C-alpha atoms as a PDB file:
ATOM      1  CA  UNK A   1     165.044-196.081 103.264  1.00  0.00           C
ATOM      2  CA  UNK A   2     165.515-192.724 105.922  1.00  0.00           C
ATOM      3  CA  UNK A   3     164.151-189.914 104.887  1.00  0.00           C
ATOM      4  CA  UNK A   4     166.429-187.078 105.281  1.00  0.00           C
ATOM      5  CA  UNK A   5     166.467-185.101 108.295  1.00  0.00           C
ATOM      6  CA  UNK A   6     164.168-181.484 108.409  1.00  0.00           C
ATOM      7  CA  UNK A   7     166.823-178.533 107.786  1.00  0.00           C
ATOM      8  CA  UNK A   8     166.860-175.479 109.545  1.00  0.00           C
ATOM      9  CA  UNK A   9     166.077-172.937 107.585  1.00  0.00           C
ATOM     10  CA  UNK A  10     166.728-169.105 107.861  1.00  0.00           C
ATOM     11  CA  UNK A  11     165.617-167.116 104.983  1.00  0.00           C
ATOM     12  CA  UNK A  12     167.067-164.329 103.129  1.00  0.00           C
ATOM     13  CA  UNK A  13     170.239-164.439 104.436  1.00  0.00           C
ATOM     14  CA  UNK A  14     171.411-161.670 103.208  1.00  0.00           C
ATOM     15  CA  UNK A  15     168.383-159.731 105.142  1.00  0.00           C
ATOM     16  CA  UNK A  16     167.266-156.572 105.975  1.00  0.00           C
ATOM     17  CA  UNK A  17     163.415-155.979 107.343  1.00  0.00           C
ATOM     18  CA  UNK A  18     163.068-159.092 109.182  1.00  0.00           C
ATOM     19  CA  UNK A  19     164.498-162.896 108.677  1.00  0.00           C
ATOM     20  CA  UNK A  20     162.620-165.828 108.442  1.00  0.00           C
ATOM     21  CA  UNK A  21     163.550-169.159 110.821  1.00  0.00           C
ATOM     22  CA  UNK A  22     161.506-172.327 110.228  1.00  0.00           C
ATOM     23  CA  UNK A  23     163.078-175.594 112.340  1.00  0.00           C
ATOM     24  CA  UNK A  24     161.725-179.185 112.563  1.00  0.00           C
ATOM     25  CA  UNK A  25     160.915-178.724 116.681  1.00  0.00           C
ATOM     26  CA  UNK A  26     159.203-176.209 118.008  1.00  0.00           C
ATOM     27  CA  UNK A  27     161.740-173.330 118.560  1.00  0.00           C
ATOM     28  CA  UNK A  28     161.148-172.788 122.118  1.00  0.00           C
ATOM     29  CA  UNK A  29     163.805-169.133 121.981  1.00  0.00           C
ATOM     30  CA  UNK A  30     165.471-167.143 119.603  1.00  0.00           C
ATOM     31  CA  UNK A  31     167.819-164.763 119.984  1.00  0.00           C
ATOM     32  CA  UNK A  32     169.711-162.118 117.813  1.00  0.00           C
ATOM     33  CA  UNK A  33     173.386-161.958 119.190  1.00  0.00           C
ATOM     34  CA  UNK A  34     175.709-159.195 117.706  1.00  0.00           C
ATOM     35  CA  UNK A  35     179.497-160.116 117.016  1.00  0.00           C
ATOM     36  CA  UNK A  36     180.785-158.524 120.695  1.00  0.00           C
ATOM     37  CA  UNK A  37     178.019-160.884 122.281  1.00  0.00           C
ATOM     38  CA  UNK A  38     175.291-158.763 123.314  1.00  0.00           C
ATOM     39  CA  UNK A  39     171.673-159.737 122.518  1.00  0.00           C
ATOM     40  CA  UNK A  40     169.943-157.789 120.169  1.00  0.00           C
ATOM     41  CA  UNK A  41     166.614-158.940 120.648  1.00  0.00           C
ATOM     42  CA  UNK A  42     164.922-162.578 121.662  1.00  0.00           C
ATOM     43  CA  UNK A  43     161.631-164.158 121.121  1.00  0.00           C
ATOM     44  CA  UNK A  44     159.960-166.717 122.905  1.00  0.00           C
ATOM     45  CA  UNK A  45     157.503-168.216 119.624  1.00  0.00           C
ATOM     46  CA  UNK A  46     156.756-171.819 120.329  1.00  0.00           C
ATOM     47  CA  UNK A  47     155.950-172.530 116.908  1.00  0.00           C
ATOM     48  CA  UNK A  48     158.132-174.327 113.946  1.00  0.00           C
ATOM     49  CA  UNK A  49     158.489-171.154 112.161  1.00  0.00           C
ATOM     50  CA  UNK A  50     159.185-167.156 112.864  1.00  0.00           C
ATOM     51  CA  UNK A  51     160.077-163.690 112.047  1.00  0.00           C
ATOM     52  CA  UNK A  52     162.752-161.998 113.614  1.00  0.00           C
ATOM     53  CA  UNK A  53     161.863-158.794 113.026  1.00  0.00           C
ATOM     54  CA  UNK A  54     165.612-156.712 112.069  1.00  0.00           C
ATOM     55  CA  UNK A  55     163.974-153.330 112.465  1.00  0.00           C
ATOM     56  CA  UNK A  56     166.581-150.454 113.546  1.00  0.00           C
ATOM     57  CA  UNK A  57     169.117-153.898 113.607  1.00  0.00           C
ATOM     58  CA  UNK A  58     173.024-152.264 111.669  1.00  0.00           C
ATOM     59  CA  UNK A  59     174.363-153.499 108.681  1.00  0.00           C
ATOM     60  CA  UNK A  60     176.905-156.139 109.887  1.00  0.00           C
ATOM     61  CA  UNK A  61     177.160-159.790 110.715  1.00  0.00           C
ATOM     62  CA  UNK A  62     175.346-161.588 113.618  1.00  0.00           C
ATOM     63  CA  UNK A  63     174.469-164.585 115.347  1.00  0.00           C
ATOM     64  CA  UNK A  64     171.011-166.748 115.159  1.00  0.00           C
ATOM     65  CA  UNK A  65     170.749-168.442 117.967  1.00  0.00           C
ATOM     66  CA  UNK A  66     167.927-171.438 118.036  1.00  0.00           C
ATOM     67  CA  UNK A  67     166.995-173.275 120.975  1.00  0.00           C
ATOM     68  CA  UNK A  68     164.621-176.109 120.700  1.00  0.00           C
ATOM     69  CA  UNK A  69     164.617-178.762 122.992  1.00  0.00           C
ATOM     70  CA  UNK A  70     166.141-180.886 121.653  1.00  0.00           C
ATOM     71  CA  UNK A  71     169.274-179.209 120.715  1.00  0.00           C
ATOM     72  CA  UNK A  72     170.322-174.612 120.464  1.00  0.00           C
ATOM     73  CA  UNK A  73     171.699-174.165 117.547  1.00  0.00           C
ATOM     74  CA  UNK A  74     173.831-170.761 115.897  1.00  0.00           C
ATOM     75  CA  UNK A  75     173.575-169.750 112.714  1.00  0.00           C
ATOM     76  CA  UNK A  76     175.700-166.535 110.861  1.00  0.00           C
ATOM     77  CA  UNK A  77     173.327-164.087 109.249  1.00  0.00           C
ATOM     78  CA  UNK A  78     174.085-160.821 107.274  1.00  0.00           C
ATOM     79  CA  UNK A  79     172.151-158.211 107.995  1.00  0.00           C
ATOM     80  CA  UNK A  80     172.335-155.598 104.945  1.00  0.00           C
END
């Protein structure tokens, strides 16, 4: 029996002040992207967990693009 792969975690979602992102691999680059495709925030944490500050971000739907050594994943979040 193989162990379950460790999934990417983004919480809380919906979020208001910040969102915590945890990945099974080192996060090389993290971007908060608006529905229009504009990069609102960008981090290069080089850790497996990062806190994305949402202060000054308007309420709405955004995408979080997480780039690790292995792959790039995009997840949707709701900012309240």
